[in-house]
Amino acid sequence: MRLETRRRLWGLFFVAPNMLLFAAFVVIPVAGAVLLAFKDYQVGRGLWGSPWVGLDNFKDLFFHPVFSTDFYVALQNTAVITLVLVPVNIGIALGLAALIFPLGPRAQGFFKGAFYLPGIVSAVIIAIVWQWMFTEHNGLINLGLRALGHPGVPWFSERWSAVSAVIVSSIPYAPGAGIILYLAALGRVPQELIEAAEIDGAGPWQRWRAVILPLLKPTTLYLVVISTIESFKIFTPIYVMTRGRPANQSTSIVFEIYQNAFDASEFGLASAEALVLFAIVMVFAVAQFRYLRSDEEY
């Protein structure tokens, strides 16, 4: 056997365990979910024994008077959460990174750890703390509002106040990784470009707008795509804090998938929702890559 062939076989041998795990826990479940979206899944008959219904699950998703209403509400809430969280988290991460970057190595290390810490704390624990803070009668936020003369806000009794509570609870959780990535990207910006702009008379804001921000576009693109995906996948704050209150008006797409699958046993409908979510995220990702990609290299 030739040396090159033996090397390839050994490479396949070492890659095989990871490929098998990937196939078992990613490829096969995804393929099953795609197949499930076109079937009326019945637990007793299994995936293969359940009847084929074609596009009926998608028709119910978009046109059924009950299922479509809940889906459109979840889609609207998810869109609002994404449109608010993504720019806010990116802006906070960039702003804090810009403030931290001029500091010394020890100070930078301290702030990196401080801001990254919420990202490694359990999302359930954070959501429980925020739920207590948003409690309508004796929550910390309403107690503070009443101390200022405001009657308080019924956070979980109205749709958009509940969605706002979910958004506020998610803001401190996300920017930590963005801060670290932006700090790394700022450290790679060529100083001679900044010095040249300064010599040409560019002020601090002009240097940021014309020199630094364009060179940060690859990092910004990555963070925008990842933040968008994570926002579309939001589940834990809604599951812990609102459970869809009031009257299933504060749900997200992923929470709607969970409810249909595990509460209503509508596994085919839930799989159809998952495929629609995948298509939406794919469209957003392609659009973001198209409009935010940069050919700048440094």
Protein backbone atom coordinates (compact mmCIF):
# COMPACT_ATOMS: atom_id res chain seq x y z
CA MET A 1 0.00 0.00 0.00
CA ARG A 2 1.40 3.39 -0.97
CA LEU A 3 2.39 5.86 1.74
CA GLU A 4 -0.16 8.44 0.57
CA THR A 5 -2.98 5.88 0.71
CA ARG A 6 -1.97 4.78 4.20
CA ARG A 7 -1.98 8.40 5.38
CA ARG A 8 -5.48 8.93 4.01
CA LEU A 9 -6.75 5.76 5.66
CA TRP A 10 -5.24 6.79 8.99
CA GLY A 11 -6.83 10.22 8.60
CA LEU A 12 -10.22 8.62 8.00
CA PHE A 13 -9.65 6.35 10.99
CA PHE A 14 -9.09 9.29 13.35
CA VAL A 15 -11.93 11.35 11.86
CA ALA A 16 -14.44 8.48 11.93
CA PRO A 17 -15.49 8.76 15.63
CA ASN A 18 -16.37 12.45 15.27
CA MET A 19 -18.14 11.83 11.98
CA LEU A 20 -20.18 9.02 13.52
CA LEU A 21 -21.18 11.23 16.45
CA PHE A 22 -22.05 14.07 14.07
CA ALA A 23 -24.18 11.74 11.97
CA ALA A 24 -25.91 10.23 15.02
CA PHE A 25 -26.73 13.50 16.80
CA VAL A 26 -27.04 16.01 13.92
CA VAL A 27 -27.52 14.51 10.46
CA ILE A 28 -30.01 11.76 11.38
CA PRO A 29 -32.16 13.96 13.71
CA VAL A 30 -32.28 16.75 11.11
CA ALA A 31 -33.27 14.29 8.38
CA GLY A 32 -35.94 12.87 10.71
CA ALA A 33 -37.29 16.36 11.41
CA VAL A 34 -37.53 17.10 7.69
CA LEU A 35 -39.42 13.85 7.10
CA LEU A 36 -41.62 14.47 10.12
CA ALA A 37 -42.78 17.81 8.70
CA PHE A 38 -44.59 15.94 5.93
CA LYS A 39 -46.26 13.35 8.17
CA ASP A 40 -49.03 13.17 10.76
CA TYR A 41 -46.83 11.67 13.45
CA GLN A 42 -48.51 9.14 15.72
CA VAL A 43 -46.52 7.90 18.69
CA GLY A 44 -47.78 4.34 18.53
CA ARG A 45 -46.93 3.95 14.84
CA GLY A 46 -43.54 5.66 14.85
CA LEU A 47 -41.99 7.81 12.15
CA TRP A 48 -42.19 5.29 9.32
CA GLY A 49 -45.66 4.01 10.21
CA SER A 50 -47.27 7.44 10.52
CA PRO A 51 -49.34 8.54 7.52
CA TRP A 52 -47.91 10.87 4.90
CA VAL A 53 -49.81 14.18 4.70
CA GLY A 54 -47.66 16.15 2.26
CA LEU A 55 -47.93 19.91 2.76
CA ASP A 56 -50.87 19.77 5.17
CA ASN A 57 -48.70 20.73 8.15
CA PHE A 58 -47.48 23.82 6.31
CA LYS A 59 -51.04 24.70 5.30
CA ASP A 60 -52.14 24.47 8.93
CA LEU A 61 -49.14 26.57 9.94
CA PHE A 62 -50.07 29.44 7.63
CA PHE A 63 -53.85 29.13 7.21
CA HIS A 64 -55.36 27.21 10.16
CA PRO A 65 -57.40 29.67 12.29
CA VAL A 66 -55.73 28.55 15.55
CA PHE A 67 -52.26 27.33 14.57
CA SER A 68 -51.58 30.18 12.12
CA THR A 69 -52.63 32.84 14.64
CA ASP A 70 -50.23 31.52 17.25
CA PHE A 71 -47.46 31.13 14.67
CA TYR A 72 -47.81 34.67 13.34
CA VAL A 73 -47.79 36.07 16.89
CA ALA A 74 -44.63 34.10 17.66
CA LEU A 75 -43.07 35.25 14.39
CA GLN A 76 -43.84 38.91 15.13
CA ASN A 77 -42.45 38.66 18.65
CA THR A 78 -39.29 36.94 17.42
CA ALA A 79 -38.80 39.59 14.73
CA VAL A 80 -39.17 42.42 17.26
CA ILE A 81 -36.78 40.74 19.70
CA THR A 82 -34.22 40.22 16.93
CA LEU A 83 -34.51 43.76 15.54
CA VAL A 84 -33.91 45.19 19.02
CA LEU A 85 -31.38 42.77 20.48
CA VAL A 86 -28.97 42.47 17.55
CA PRO A 87 -28.10 46.18 17.06
CA VAL A 88 -28.21 46.84 20.82
CA ASN A 89 -25.86 43.97 21.64
CA ILE A 90 -23.48 44.82 18.79
CA GLY A 91 -23.47 48.50 19.77
CA ILE A 92 -22.87 47.74 23.45
CA ALA A 93 -20.07 45.30 22.62
CA LEU A 94 -18.34 47.78 20.30
CA GLY A 95 -18.74 50.71 22.68
CA LEU A 96 -17.41 48.84 25.70
CA ALA A 97 -14.54 47.37 23.66
CA ALA A 98 -13.59 50.87 22.54
CA LEU A 99 -13.52 52.02 26.19
CA ILE A 100 -11.55 48.99 27.40
CA PHE A 101 -8.97 48.86 24.59
CA PRO A 102 -6.83 51.84 25.73
CA LEU A 103 -6.42 50.30 29.21
CA GLY A 104 -3.47 48.22 30.34
CA PRO A 105 -3.33 44.42 30.03
CA ARG A 106 -4.42 43.77 33.64
CA ALA A 107 -7.37 46.15 33.42
CA GLN A 108 -8.36 44.65 30.09
CA GLY A 109 -8.22 41.15 31.57
CA PHE A 110 -10.41 42.21 34.49
CA PHE A 111 -13.10 43.75 32.29
CA LYS A 112 -13.01 40.84 29.84
CA GLY A 113 -13.76 38.46 32.68
CA ALA A 114 -16.36 40.76 34.24
CA PHE A 115 -18.35 41.19 31.03
CA TYR A 116 -17.94 37.59 29.86
CA LEU A 117 -19.09 36.13 33.19
CA PRO A 118 -22.87 36.43 32.48
CA GLY A 119 -22.32 34.42 29.31
CA ILE A 120 -21.19 31.33 31.24
CA VAL A 121 -23.82 31.56 33.98
CA SER A 122 -26.84 29.34 33.45
CA ALA A 123 -29.47 31.12 31.35
CA VAL A 124 -32.17 29.58 33.56
CA ILE A 125 -30.68 31.16 36.69
CA ILE A 126 -30.45 34.55 35.01
CA ALA A 127 -34.05 34.28 33.79
CA ILE A 128 -35.25 33.35 37.31
CA VAL A 129 -33.53 36.44 38.75
CA TRP A 130 -35.10 38.67 36.12
CA GLN A 131 -38.49 37.06 36.69
CA TRP A 132 -38.27 38.02 40.34
CA MET A 133 -37.23 41.56 39.39
CA PHE A 134 -40.18 41.91 36.99
CA THR A 135 -42.79 40.46 39.39
CA GLU A 136 -45.73 42.86 39.23
CA HIS A 137 -46.58 43.18 42.93
CA ASN A 138 -43.29 43.00 44.81
CA GLY A 139 -40.65 42.88 42.08
CA LEU A 140 -37.59 45.09 42.45
CA ILE A 141 -38.33 47.11 39.31
CA ASN A 142 -41.93 47.93 40.22
CA LEU A 143 -40.93 48.71 43.80
CA GLY A 144 -38.43 51.22 42.42
CA LEU A 145 -41.06 52.70 40.09
CA ARG A 146 -43.54 53.06 42.96
CA ALA A 147 -40.89 54.77 45.04
CA LEU A 148 -40.65 57.35 42.22
CA GLY A 149 -44.43 57.83 42.15
CA HIS A 150 -45.18 55.53 39.21
CA PRO A 151 -47.93 52.93 39.80
CA GLY A 152 -45.80 50.16 38.30
CA VAL A 153 -46.04 48.16 35.09
CA PRO A 154 -48.05 44.93 34.67
CA TRP A 155 -45.10 43.25 32.99
CA PHE A 156 -46.63 39.83 32.35
CA SER A 157 -50.25 40.94 31.86
CA GLU A 158 -49.77 42.74 28.54
CA ARG A 159 -48.19 41.43 25.36
CA TRP A 160 -45.61 44.08 24.59
CA SER A 161 -44.65 44.68 28.21
CA ALA A 162 -43.93 40.94 28.50
CA VAL A 163 -41.89 41.02 25.28
CA SER A 164 -40.05 44.09 26.58
CA ALA A 165 -39.21 42.25 29.79
CA VAL A 166 -37.76 39.37 27.74
CA ILE A 167 -35.67 41.82 25.70
CA VAL A 168 -34.35 43.67 28.76
CA SER A 169 -33.46 40.39 30.49
CA SER A 170 -31.49 39.25 27.42
CA ILE A 171 -29.36 42.38 26.93
CA PRO A 172 -26.76 41.84 29.71
CA TYR A 173 -26.35 38.18 28.76
CA ALA A 174 -25.04 38.53 25.20
CA PRO A 175 -22.31 41.23 24.71
CA GLY A 176 -19.48 39.44 26.58
CA ALA A 177 -18.22 37.40 23.62
CA GLY A 178 -18.59 40.41 21.33
CA ILE A 179 -16.43 42.54 23.62
CA ILE A 180 -13.62 39.98 23.56
CA LEU A 181 -13.81 39.59 19.76
CA TYR A 182 -13.84 43.34 19.20
CA LEU A 183 -10.86 43.79 21.53
CA ALA A 184 -8.95 41.19 19.55
CA ALA A 185 -9.91 42.88 16.27
CA LEU A 186 -8.90 46.33 17.58
CA GLY A 187 -5.51 44.91 18.52
CA ARG A 188 -4.96 43.88 14.90
CA VAL A 189 -5.76 47.28 13.37
CA PRO A 190 -2.50 48.65 11.86
CA GLN A 191 -1.41 51.63 13.89
CA GLU A 192 0.26 53.24 10.87
CA LEU A 193 -3.17 53.71 9.26
CA ILE A 194 -4.48 55.49 12.35
CA GLU A 195 -1.33 57.63 12.56
CA ALA A 196 -1.61 58.53 8.87
CA ALA A 197 -5.22 59.60 9.34
CA GLU A 198 -4.22 61.66 12.38
CA ILE A 199 -1.46 63.36 10.39
CA ASP A 200 -4.02 64.19 7.68
CA GLY A 201 -6.07 66.02 10.31
CA ALA A 202 -8.75 63.40 11.03
CA GLY A 203 -10.33 63.73 14.47
CA PRO A 204 -11.15 60.79 16.79
CA TRP A 205 -14.61 60.25 15.32
CA GLN A 206 -13.34 60.53 11.74
CA ARG A 207 -10.60 57.99 12.46
CA TRP A 208 -13.19 55.58 13.87
CA ARG A 209 -15.64 56.09 11.00
CA ALA A 210 -13.17 56.06 8.10
CA VAL A 211 -10.39 53.77 9.32
CA ILE A 212 -11.29 51.56 12.28
CA LEU A 213 -14.92 50.62 11.60
CA PRO A 214 -14.28 49.42 8.01
CA LEU A 215 -11.48 47.19 9.31
CA LEU A 216 -13.83 45.76 11.94
CA LYS A 217 -16.42 44.65 9.35
CA PRO A 218 -15.38 40.94 9.37
CA THR A 219 -15.83 40.80 13.14
CA THR A 220 -19.08 42.76 12.92
CA LEU A 221 -20.38 40.40 10.23
CA TYR A 222 -19.64 37.37 12.38
CA LEU A 223 -21.30 38.90 15.44
CA VAL A 224 -24.35 40.06 13.49
CA VAL A 225 -24.91 36.60 12.00
CA ILE A 226 -24.40 34.80 15.31
CA SER A 227 -26.54 37.31 17.24
CA THR A 228 -29.33 37.03 14.68
CA ILE A 229 -29.34 33.25 14.92
CA GLU A 230 -29.32 33.35 18.72
CA SER A 231 -32.15 35.91 18.79
CA PHE A 232 -34.30 33.76 16.50
CA LYS A 233 -33.61 30.82 18.81
CA ILE A 234 -34.61 32.66 22.00
CA PHE A 235 -36.40 30.28 24.33
CA THR A 236 -35.18 30.21 27.94
CA PRO A 237 -36.35 33.71 29.07
CA ILE A 238 -39.81 33.08 27.62
CA TYR A 239 -40.04 29.58 29.08
CA VAL A 240 -39.00 30.73 32.56
CA MET A 241 -40.45 34.26 32.77
CA THR A 242 -43.66 34.42 30.76
CA ARG A 243 -44.65 30.91 29.54
CA GLY A 244 -46.43 32.77 26.75
CA ARG A 245 -48.45 35.03 29.05
CA PRO A 246 -50.79 36.73 28.50
CA ALA A 247 -52.91 34.24 26.51
CA ASN A 248 -49.97 32.92 24.48
CA GLN A 249 -49.12 36.42 23.25
CA SER A 250 -45.45 36.58 24.29
CA THR A 251 -44.20 33.42 22.61
CA SER A 252 -41.27 33.02 20.24
CA ILE A 253 -40.93 30.63 17.30
CA VAL A 254 -38.82 28.16 19.26
CA PHE A 255 -41.20 28.29 22.23
CA GLU A 256 -44.10 27.73 19.82
CA ILE A 257 -42.26 24.70 18.42
CA TYR A 258 -41.80 23.39 21.98
CA GLN A 259 -45.48 23.87 22.80
CA ASN A 260 -46.74 22.16 19.66
CA ALA A 261 -44.34 19.24 20.02
CA PHE A 262 -44.37 18.49 23.74
CA ASP A 263 -47.60 20.05 25.01
CA ALA A 264 -49.94 19.42 22.07
CA SER A 265 -48.11 16.39 20.57
CA GLU A 266 -48.32 18.03 17.13
CA PHE A 267 -44.87 16.83 16.11
CA GLY A 268 -45.48 17.24 12.39
CA LEU A 269 -46.59 20.85 12.83
CA ALA A 270 -43.62 21.57 15.11
CA SER A 271 -41.22 20.13 12.51
CA ALA A 272 -42.82 22.32 9.83
CA GLU A 273 -42.27 25.35 12.06
CA ALA A 274 -38.64 24.31 12.53
CA LEU A 275 -38.13 24.15 8.76
CA VAL A 276 -39.71 27.58 8.31
CA LEU A 277 -37.41 28.94 11.04
CA PHE A 278 -34.42 27.39 9.28
CA ALA A 279 -35.43 29.05 5.99
CA ILE A 280 -35.87 32.44 7.66
CA VAL A 281 -32.49 32.25 9.40
CA MET A 282 -30.84 31.13 6.15
CA VAL A 283 -32.29 34.09 4.25
CA PHE A 284 -31.10 36.52 6.92
CA ALA A 285 -27.63 34.96 7.02
CA VAL A 286 -27.21 35.13 3.23
CA ALA A 287 -28.39 38.76 3.17
CA GLN A 288 -26.04 39.70 5.98
CA PHE A 289 -23.07 38.03 4.27
CA ARG A 290 -23.92 39.83 1.05
CA TYR A 291 -24.23 43.33 2.49
CA LEU A 292 -21.71 43.22 5.34
CA ARG A 293 -18.86 41.19 3.93
CA SER A 294 -15.59 43.02 3.41
CA ASP A 295 -12.54 42.41 1.27
CA GLU A 296 -10.33 44.31 3.71
CA GLU A 297 -7.41 42.28 5.02
CA TYR A 298 -4.92 43.43 7.63
